[in-house]
Amino acid sequence: MKRLFTILFSVMALVSIAGAKDFNSAQLKLRSDIMAFLAEEGYVPKLDSDGDITFKTEGVQYAVIISDSETNPMYVVLYNGYNYNETYNRASISPFVSEINLYKGLKLYLRENSFSFQCEMFVPDAEAFSKVFNRCLKIMKMADDELTSLVSGK
């Protein structure tokens, strides 16, 4: 049953996003294997129009972005982004970037209209990704909670 599920996700990934990024066969395999891993973990992974994997957990949207320019090992980013609002904007977040970036393996990026938490890694295959995924997700949630606390002053 797991094999059938993996094959189904592989075919779906290859067919639905054929031209979004210029992936080689190893990158395509990595993407389909990561989708299968996420599905096995109970997430509902989907491919977006860029060919990135998206999924939700606890109401928060995440993306797994595979670079099409790095091939051996491959470059993968676990991404969580937000648009600025009245409370969370460049001015309110900026003083805390260095503090949040002390979390190992995580970066907080400020952009013109948004900010994001990113765990960036080089991996040879999906097995390596699966070994660090839960830790990265936990670190991202901790950093998000800490930023909320710092910005609100609590």
N, C-alpha and C. Protein backbone atom coordinates (compact mmCIF):
# COMPACT_ATOMS: atom_id res chain seq x y z
N MET A 1 0.82 -1.19 0.00
CA MET A 1 0.00 0.00 0.00
C MET A 1 0.87 1.26 0.00
N LYS A 2 1.95 1.24 0.81
CA LYS A 2 2.84 2.41 0.84
C LYS A 2 3.50 2.62 -0.52
N ARG A 3 3.87 1.51 -1.17
CA ARG A 3 4.49 1.63 -2.50
C ARG A 3 3.53 2.26 -3.49
N LEU A 4 2.28 1.83 -3.45
CA LEU A 4 1.27 2.37 -4.35
C LEU A 4 1.09 3.87 -4.09
N PHE A 5 1.07 4.24 -2.82
CA PHE A 5 0.93 5.63 -2.43
C PHE A 5 2.12 6.44 -2.95
N THR A 6 3.32 5.92 -2.78
CA THR A 6 4.53 6.59 -3.25
C THR A 6 4.53 6.74 -4.76
N ILE A 7 4.16 5.69 -5.46
CA ILE A 7 4.11 5.73 -6.92
C ILE A 7 3.08 6.75 -7.39
N LEU A 8 1.92 6.75 -6.73
CA LEU A 8 0.86 7.70 -7.08
C LEU A 8 1.35 9.14 -6.93
N PHE A 9 2.01 9.45 -5.81
CA PHE A 9 2.54 10.79 -5.61
C PHE A 9 3.63 11.13 -6.61
N SER A 10 4.47 10.17 -6.95
CA SER A 10 5.54 10.40 -7.92
C SER A 10 4.97 10.77 -9.27
N VAL A 11 4.00 10.00 -9.71
CA VAL A 11 3.38 10.26 -11.02
C VAL A 11 2.67 11.61 -10.99
N MET A 12 1.95 11.87 -9.91
CA MET A 12 1.23 13.14 -9.78
C MET A 12 2.20 14.32 -9.84
N ALA A 13 3.31 14.19 -9.14
CA ALA A 13 4.30 15.27 -9.12
C ALA A 13 4.90 15.50 -10.51
N LEU A 14 5.23 14.44 -11.19
CA LEU A 14 5.85 14.56 -12.51
C LEU A 14 4.89 15.12 -13.55
N VAL A 15 3.65 14.70 -13.52
CA VAL A 15 2.69 15.10 -14.53
C VAL A 15 2.18 16.51 -14.31
N SER A 16 1.85 16.86 -13.06
CA SER A 16 1.16 18.12 -12.82
C SER A 16 2.05 19.35 -12.90
N ILE A 17 3.35 19.21 -12.70
CA ILE A 17 4.23 20.38 -12.71
C ILE A 17 5.42 20.15 -13.64
N ALA A 18 5.18 19.76 -14.81
CA ALA A 18 6.27 19.41 -15.72
C ALA A 18 7.19 20.58 -16.02
N GLY A 19 6.67 21.81 -16.12
CA GLY A 19 7.51 22.90 -16.56
C GLY A 19 7.75 24.01 -15.57
N ALA A 20 7.34 23.88 -14.32
CA ALA A 20 7.47 24.97 -13.36
C ALA A 20 8.92 25.30 -13.06
N LYS A 21 9.73 24.32 -12.80
CA LYS A 21 11.16 24.50 -12.58
C LYS A 21 11.88 23.50 -13.47
N ASP A 22 13.11 23.79 -13.74
CA ASP A 22 13.88 22.91 -14.61
C ASP A 22 14.64 21.89 -13.75
N PHE A 23 13.90 20.94 -13.18
CA PHE A 23 14.50 19.93 -12.32
C PHE A 23 15.12 18.80 -13.13
N ASN A 24 16.24 18.27 -12.62
CA ASN A 24 16.79 17.06 -13.20
C ASN A 24 16.08 15.87 -12.55
N SER A 25 16.42 14.66 -12.95
CA SER A 25 15.71 13.48 -12.45
C SER A 25 15.90 13.29 -10.94
N ALA A 26 17.08 13.62 -10.42
CA ALA A 26 17.32 13.47 -8.97
C ALA A 26 16.47 14.46 -8.19
N GLN A 27 16.33 15.68 -8.68
CA GLN A 27 15.51 16.68 -8.00
C GLN A 27 14.03 16.31 -8.06
N LEU A 28 13.59 15.77 -9.19
CA LEU A 28 12.21 15.30 -9.30
C LEU A 28 11.95 14.16 -8.33
N LYS A 29 12.91 13.26 -8.22
CA LYS A 29 12.76 12.14 -7.28
C LYS A 29 12.73 12.66 -5.85
N LEU A 30 13.61 13.60 -5.53
CA LEU A 30 13.61 14.19 -4.19
C LEU A 30 12.25 14.80 -3.88
N ARG A 31 11.70 15.56 -4.82
CA ARG A 31 10.41 16.20 -4.59
C ARG A 31 9.30 15.16 -4.38
N SER A 32 9.26 14.15 -5.22
CA SER A 32 8.20 13.14 -5.06
C SER A 32 8.40 12.33 -3.78
N ASP A 33 9.65 12.05 -3.41
CA ASP A 33 9.91 11.32 -2.17
C ASP A 33 9.55 12.16 -0.94
N ILE A 34 9.81 13.45 -0.99
CA ILE A 34 9.43 14.33 0.12
C ILE A 34 7.90 14.39 0.23
N MET A 35 7.22 14.47 -0.90
CA MET A 35 5.75 14.47 -0.87
C MET A 35 5.23 13.18 -0.25
N ALA A 36 5.82 12.06 -0.62
CA ALA A 36 5.40 10.77 -0.05
C ALA A 36 5.67 10.73 1.45
N PHE A 37 6.83 11.22 1.87
CA PHE A 37 7.16 11.28 3.30
C PHE A 37 6.14 12.12 4.06
N LEU A 38 5.84 13.31 3.54
CA LEU A 38 4.88 14.18 4.21
C LEU A 38 3.50 13.52 4.31
N ALA A 39 3.09 12.84 3.25
CA ALA A 39 1.80 12.14 3.27
C ALA A 39 1.80 11.03 4.32
N GLU A 40 2.91 10.29 4.40
CA GLU A 40 3.02 9.23 5.40
C GLU A 40 2.98 9.78 6.82
N GLU A 41 3.46 11.01 7.00
CA GLU A 41 3.46 11.66 8.32
C GLU A 41 2.10 12.26 8.66
N GLY A 42 1.16 12.20 7.73
CA GLY A 42 -0.19 12.69 8.00
C GLY A 42 -0.50 14.07 7.46
N TYR A 43 0.43 14.67 6.74
CA TYR A 43 0.19 15.97 6.13
C TYR A 43 -0.50 15.75 4.78
N VAL A 44 -1.00 16.82 4.20
CA VAL A 44 -1.62 16.75 2.87
C VAL A 44 -0.78 17.63 1.94
N PRO A 45 0.29 17.08 1.39
CA PRO A 45 1.16 17.88 0.53
C PRO A 45 0.54 18.13 -0.84
N LYS A 46 0.79 19.32 -1.36
CA LYS A 46 0.32 19.70 -2.69
C LYS A 46 1.45 20.42 -3.39
N LEU A 47 1.38 20.45 -4.70
CA LEU A 47 2.35 21.22 -5.48
C LEU A 47 1.71 22.54 -5.86
N ASP A 48 2.45 23.63 -5.69
CA ASP A 48 1.93 24.93 -6.12
C ASP A 48 2.36 25.20 -7.56
N SER A 49 2.02 26.37 -8.06
CA SER A 49 2.29 26.69 -9.47
C SER A 49 3.78 26.80 -9.77
N ASP A 50 4.62 27.01 -8.75
CA ASP A 50 6.08 27.08 -8.94
C ASP A 50 6.75 25.71 -8.86
N GLY A 51 5.98 24.68 -8.50
CA GLY A 51 6.55 23.36 -8.33
C GLY A 51 7.05 23.10 -6.92
N ASP A 52 6.71 24.00 -5.99
CA ASP A 52 7.09 23.81 -4.59
C ASP A 52 6.01 22.99 -3.88
N ILE A 53 6.41 22.29 -2.85
CA ILE A 53 5.50 21.48 -2.06
C ILE A 53 4.93 22.36 -0.95
N THR A 54 3.62 22.36 -0.79
CA THR A 54 2.99 23.09 0.29
C THR A 54 2.20 22.13 1.17
N PHE A 55 2.08 22.47 2.45
CA PHE A 55 1.28 21.70 3.39
C PHE A 55 0.95 22.58 4.58
N LYS A 56 -0.08 22.20 5.32
CA LYS A 56 -0.47 22.94 6.51
C LYS A 56 -0.32 22.05 7.74
N THR A 57 0.02 22.70 8.85
CA THR A 57 -0.02 22.05 10.14
C THR A 57 -0.41 23.09 11.17
N GLU A 58 -1.34 22.73 12.03
CA GLU A 58 -1.85 23.63 13.06
C GLU A 58 -2.29 24.97 12.47
N GLY A 59 -2.89 24.92 11.29
CA GLY A 59 -3.41 26.12 10.64
C GLY A 59 -2.38 27.00 9.97
N VAL A 60 -1.13 26.59 9.97
CA VAL A 60 -0.05 27.39 9.40
C VAL A 60 0.43 26.74 8.10
N GLN A 61 0.58 27.54 7.07
CA GLN A 61 1.02 27.07 5.75
C GLN A 61 2.55 27.05 5.68
N TYR A 62 3.09 25.95 5.21
CA TYR A 62 4.53 25.79 5.01
C TYR A 62 4.79 25.40 3.56
N ALA A 63 6.01 25.61 3.13
CA ALA A 63 6.43 25.16 1.80
C ALA A 63 7.79 24.49 1.91
N VAL A 64 7.97 23.49 1.07
CA VAL A 64 9.28 22.87 0.89
C VAL A 64 9.72 23.27 -0.51
N ILE A 65 10.79 24.05 -0.57
CA ILE A 65 11.28 24.60 -1.83
C ILE A 65 12.59 23.93 -2.18
N ILE A 66 12.63 23.32 -3.35
CA ILE A 66 13.84 22.66 -3.83
C ILE A 66 14.44 23.55 -4.92
N SER A 67 15.69 23.88 -4.76
CA SER A 67 16.37 24.68 -5.77
C SER A 67 16.64 23.84 -7.00
N ASP A 68 16.44 24.43 -8.17
CA ASP A 68 16.75 23.69 -9.40
C ASP A 68 18.19 23.92 -9.85
N SER A 69 18.96 24.73 -9.09
CA SER A 69 20.34 25.00 -9.49
C SER A 69 21.39 24.18 -8.74
N GLU A 70 21.02 23.63 -7.58
CA GLU A 70 21.96 22.81 -6.80
C GLU A 70 21.63 21.34 -7.03
N THR A 71 22.64 20.55 -7.39
CA THR A 71 22.35 19.18 -7.80
C THR A 71 22.94 18.08 -6.92
N ASN A 72 24.08 18.29 -6.30
CA ASN A 72 24.66 17.21 -5.51
C ASN A 72 25.58 17.77 -4.42
N PRO A 73 25.10 17.90 -3.21
CA PRO A 73 23.75 17.62 -2.72
C PRO A 73 22.78 18.70 -3.17
N MET A 74 21.51 18.44 -2.95
CA MET A 74 20.46 19.37 -3.38
C MET A 74 20.11 20.32 -2.24
N TYR A 75 19.70 21.53 -2.61
CA TYR A 75 19.39 22.58 -1.66
C TYR A 75 17.88 22.64 -1.43
N VAL A 76 17.47 22.51 -0.17
CA VAL A 76 16.05 22.47 0.19
C VAL A 76 15.81 23.50 1.29
N VAL A 77 14.68 24.19 1.19
CA VAL A 77 14.29 25.17 2.19
C VAL A 77 12.90 24.80 2.71
N LEU A 78 12.78 24.70 4.02
CA LEU A 78 11.48 24.61 4.67
C LEU A 78 11.10 26.04 5.01
N TYR A 79 10.00 26.51 4.45
CA TYR A 79 9.65 27.94 4.44
C TYR A 79 8.30 28.17 5.08
N ASN A 80 8.19 29.28 5.82
CA ASN A 80 6.94 29.71 6.41
C ASN A 80 6.94 31.23 6.34
N GLY A 81 6.03 31.82 5.56
CA GLY A 81 6.04 33.26 5.36
C GLY A 81 4.74 33.93 5.73
N TYR A 82 4.85 35.21 6.08
CA TYR A 82 3.70 36.02 6.48
C TYR A 82 3.79 37.40 5.82
N ASN A 83 2.65 37.96 5.49
CA ASN A 83 2.59 39.35 5.05
C ASN A 83 2.62 40.23 6.29
N TYR A 84 3.21 41.41 6.16
CA TYR A 84 3.19 42.36 7.26
C TYR A 84 1.75 42.80 7.55
N ASN A 85 1.52 43.17 8.80
CA ASN A 85 0.25 43.77 9.18
C ASN A 85 0.53 44.88 10.18
N GLU A 86 -0.49 45.37 10.83
CA GLU A 86 -0.33 46.49 11.76
C GLU A 86 0.61 46.15 12.91
N THR A 87 0.52 44.93 13.43
CA THR A 87 1.35 44.52 14.57
C THR A 87 2.71 44.00 14.13
N TYR A 88 2.71 43.17 13.12
CA TYR A 88 3.94 42.54 12.63
C TYR A 88 4.35 43.20 11.33
N ASN A 89 5.24 44.17 11.45
CA ASN A 89 5.74 44.90 10.30
C ASN A 89 7.25 45.02 10.42
N ARG A 90 7.85 45.56 9.40
CA ARG A 90 9.31 45.64 9.37
C ARG A 90 9.86 46.36 10.61
N ALA A 91 9.23 47.46 11.00
CA ALA A 91 9.72 48.25 12.15
C ALA A 91 9.59 47.48 13.46
N SER A 92 8.52 46.70 13.63
CA SER A 92 8.32 45.99 14.90
C SER A 92 9.15 44.71 14.99
N ILE A 93 9.49 44.12 13.85
CA ILE A 93 10.23 42.86 13.83
C ILE A 93 11.74 43.08 13.77
N SER A 94 12.15 44.10 13.06
CA SER A 94 13.57 44.35 12.78
C SER A 94 14.48 44.30 14.02
N PRO A 95 14.09 44.86 15.16
CA PRO A 95 14.99 44.81 16.32
C PRO A 95 15.29 43.40 16.84
N PHE A 96 14.49 42.41 16.42
CA PHE A 96 14.62 41.08 16.97
C PHE A 96 15.21 40.04 16.00
N VAL A 97 15.59 40.48 14.82
CA VAL A 97 16.10 39.55 13.81
C VAL A 97 17.33 38.80 14.31
N SER A 98 18.28 39.51 14.87
CA SER A 98 19.51 38.86 15.35
C SER A 98 19.22 37.84 16.43
N GLU A 99 18.31 38.17 17.32
CA GLU A 99 17.95 37.26 18.42
C GLU A 99 17.28 35.99 17.88
N ILE A 100 16.36 36.15 16.96
CA ILE A 100 15.67 34.99 16.38
C ILE A 100 16.64 34.15 15.56
N ASN A 101 17.56 34.80 14.89
CA ASN A 101 18.52 34.07 14.06
C ASN A 101 19.56 33.29 14.88
N LEU A 102 19.49 33.38 16.20
CA LEU A 102 20.35 32.55 17.05
C LEU A 102 19.88 31.09 17.09
N TYR A 103 18.64 30.86 16.69
CA TYR A 103 18.16 29.47 16.59
C TYR A 103 19.00 28.76 15.53
N LYS A 104 19.57 27.66 15.90
CA LYS A 104 20.44 26.93 14.96
C LYS A 104 19.63 26.39 13.79
N GLY A 105 20.14 26.66 12.59
CA GLY A 105 19.51 26.14 11.38
C GLY A 105 18.35 26.97 10.87
N LEU A 106 18.04 28.10 11.52
CA LEU A 106 16.89 28.91 11.13
C LEU A 106 17.32 30.32 10.79
N LYS A 107 16.64 30.90 9.81
CA LYS A 107 16.86 32.31 9.48
C LYS A 107 15.52 33.01 9.39
N LEU A 108 15.48 34.22 9.94
CA LEU A 108 14.33 35.10 9.81
C LEU A 108 14.71 36.14 8.76
N TYR A 109 13.93 36.20 7.70
CA TYR A 109 14.18 37.15 6.62
C TYR A 109 13.09 38.21 6.60
N LEU A 110 13.49 39.47 6.46
CA LEU A 110 12.55 40.57 6.28
C LEU A 110 12.61 41.01 4.83
N ARG A 111 11.45 41.08 4.21
CA ARG A 111 11.35 41.54 2.82
C ARG A 111 10.55 42.83 2.80
N GLU A 112 10.30 43.34 1.63
CA GLU A 112 9.59 44.61 1.51
C GLU A 112 8.19 44.55 2.11
N ASN A 113 7.43 43.50 1.81
CA ASN A 113 6.04 43.41 2.26
C ASN A 113 5.76 42.19 3.12
N SER A 114 6.80 41.43 3.46
CA SER A 114 6.57 40.19 4.19
C SER A 114 7.83 39.79 4.96
N PHE A 115 7.64 38.76 5.81
CA PHE A 115 8.78 38.17 6.50
C PHE A 115 8.60 36.66 6.49
N SER A 116 9.72 35.95 6.68
CA SER A 116 9.64 34.49 6.65
C SER A 116 10.65 33.87 7.60
N PHE A 117 10.29 32.67 8.02
CA PHE A 117 11.19 31.79 8.75
C PHE A 117 11.62 30.71 7.76
N GLN A 118 12.92 30.40 7.74
CA GLN A 118 13.41 29.40 6.80
C GLN A 118 14.46 28.51 7.46
N CYS A 119 14.29 27.21 7.28
CA CYS A 119 15.33 26.24 7.61
C CYS A 119 15.91 25.80 6.28
N GLU A 120 17.19 26.03 6.10
CA GLU A 120 17.85 25.75 4.83
C GLU A 120 18.82 24.60 5.01
N MET A 121 18.85 23.70 4.05
CA MET A 121 19.71 22.52 4.18
C MET A 121 20.15 22.00 2.83
N PHE A 122 21.28 21.35 2.82
CA PHE A 122 21.74 20.59 1.65
C PHE A 122 21.50 19.12 1.98
N VAL A 123 20.82 18.42 1.09
CA VAL A 123 20.52 17.00 1.32
C VAL A 123 20.83 16.19 0.07
N PRO A 124 21.32 14.97 0.26
CA PRO A 124 21.56 14.10 -0.90
C PRO A 124 20.29 13.39 -1.37
N ASP A 125 19.31 13.26 -0.45
CA ASP A 125 18.08 12.53 -0.78
C ASP A 125 17.00 12.84 0.25
N ALA A 126 15.80 12.31 0.02
CA ALA A 126 14.67 12.57 0.92
C ALA A 126 14.86 11.95 2.30
N GLU A 127 15.63 10.90 2.40
CA GLU A 127 15.87 10.28 3.70
C GLU A 127 16.57 11.27 4.63
N ALA A 128 17.53 12.00 4.11
CA ALA A 128 18.22 13.01 4.92
C ALA A 128 17.24 14.11 5.34
N PHE A 129 16.39 14.53 4.42
CA PHE A 129 15.37 15.54 4.74
C PHE A 129 14.45 15.03 5.84
N SER A 130 14.02 13.79 5.72
CA SER A 130 13.07 13.23 6.70
C SER A 130 13.68 13.15 8.11
N LYS A 131 14.98 13.01 8.19
CA LYS A 131 15.65 12.92 9.50
C LYS A 131 15.69 14.27 10.22
N VAL A 132 15.66 15.37 9.49
CA VAL A 132 15.74 16.69 10.12
C VAL A 132 14.42 17.46 10.08
N PHE A 133 13.45 16.96 9.35
CA PHE A 133 12.19 17.68 9.15
C PHE A 133 11.51 18.06 10.45
N ASN A 134 11.28 17.11 11.33
CA ASN A 134 10.56 17.41 12.58
C ASN A 134 11.32 18.41 13.45
N ARG A 135 12.62 18.31 13.47
CA ARG A 135 13.42 19.26 14.25
C ARG A 135 13.30 20.67 13.65
N CYS A 136 13.38 20.77 12.33
CA CYS A 136 13.24 22.07 11.68
C CYS A 136 11.86 22.67 11.94
N LEU A 137 10.83 21.86 11.83
CA LEU A 137 9.47 22.33 12.07
C LEU A 137 9.32 22.83 13.51
N LYS A 138 9.90 22.10 14.45
CA LYS A 138 9.84 22.49 15.86
C LYS A 138 10.57 23.82 16.08
N ILE A 139 11.74 23.97 15.49
CA ILE A 139 12.52 25.21 15.64
C ILE A 139 11.76 26.39 15.04
N MET A 140 11.11 26.16 13.89
CA MET A 140 10.35 27.24 13.26
C MET A 140 9.19 27.68 14.15
N LYS A 141 8.50 26.73 14.75
CA LYS A 141 7.39 27.06 15.65
C LYS A 141 7.89 27.80 16.89
N MET A 142 9.01 27.36 17.45
CA MET A 142 9.58 28.02 18.62
C MET A 142 9.98 29.46 18.28
N ALA A 143 10.61 29.66 17.13
CA ALA A 143 11.03 31.00 16.72
C ALA A 143 9.82 31.90 16.48
N ASP A 144 8.80 31.35 15.86
CA ASP A 144 7.56 32.10 15.62
C ASP A 144 6.94 32.53 16.96
N ASP A 145 6.86 31.61 17.91
CA ASP A 145 6.33 31.92 19.25
C ASP A 145 7.17 32.99 19.94
N GLU A 146 8.49 32.86 19.84
CA GLU A 146 9.36 33.85 20.49
C GLU A 146 9.21 35.22 19.84
N LEU A 147 9.12 35.26 18.51
CA LEU A 147 8.95 36.55 17.84
C LEU A 147 7.62 37.19 18.27
N THR A 148 6.58 36.40 18.36
CA THR A 148 5.29 36.91 18.82
C THR A 148 5.43 37.51 20.22
N SER A 149 6.13 36.82 21.09
CA SER A 149 6.34 37.29 22.45
C SER A 149 7.18 38.58 22.48
N LEU A 150 8.22 38.62 21.69
CA LEU A 150 9.10 39.79 21.66
C LEU A 150 8.37 41.03 21.11
N VAL A 151 7.63 40.85 20.03
CA VAL A 151 6.93 41.98 19.41
C VAL A 151 5.82 42.49 20.32
N SER A 152 5.13 41.58 20.99
CA SER A 152 4.03 41.99 21.87
C SER A 152 4.54 42.49 23.23
N GLY A 153 5.82 42.25 23.54
CA GLY A 153 6.39 42.70 24.80
C GLY A 153 6.04 41.82 25.98
N LYS A 154 5.58 40.61 25.72
CA LYS A 154 5.19 39.68 26.81
C LYS A 154 6.24 38.65 27.06
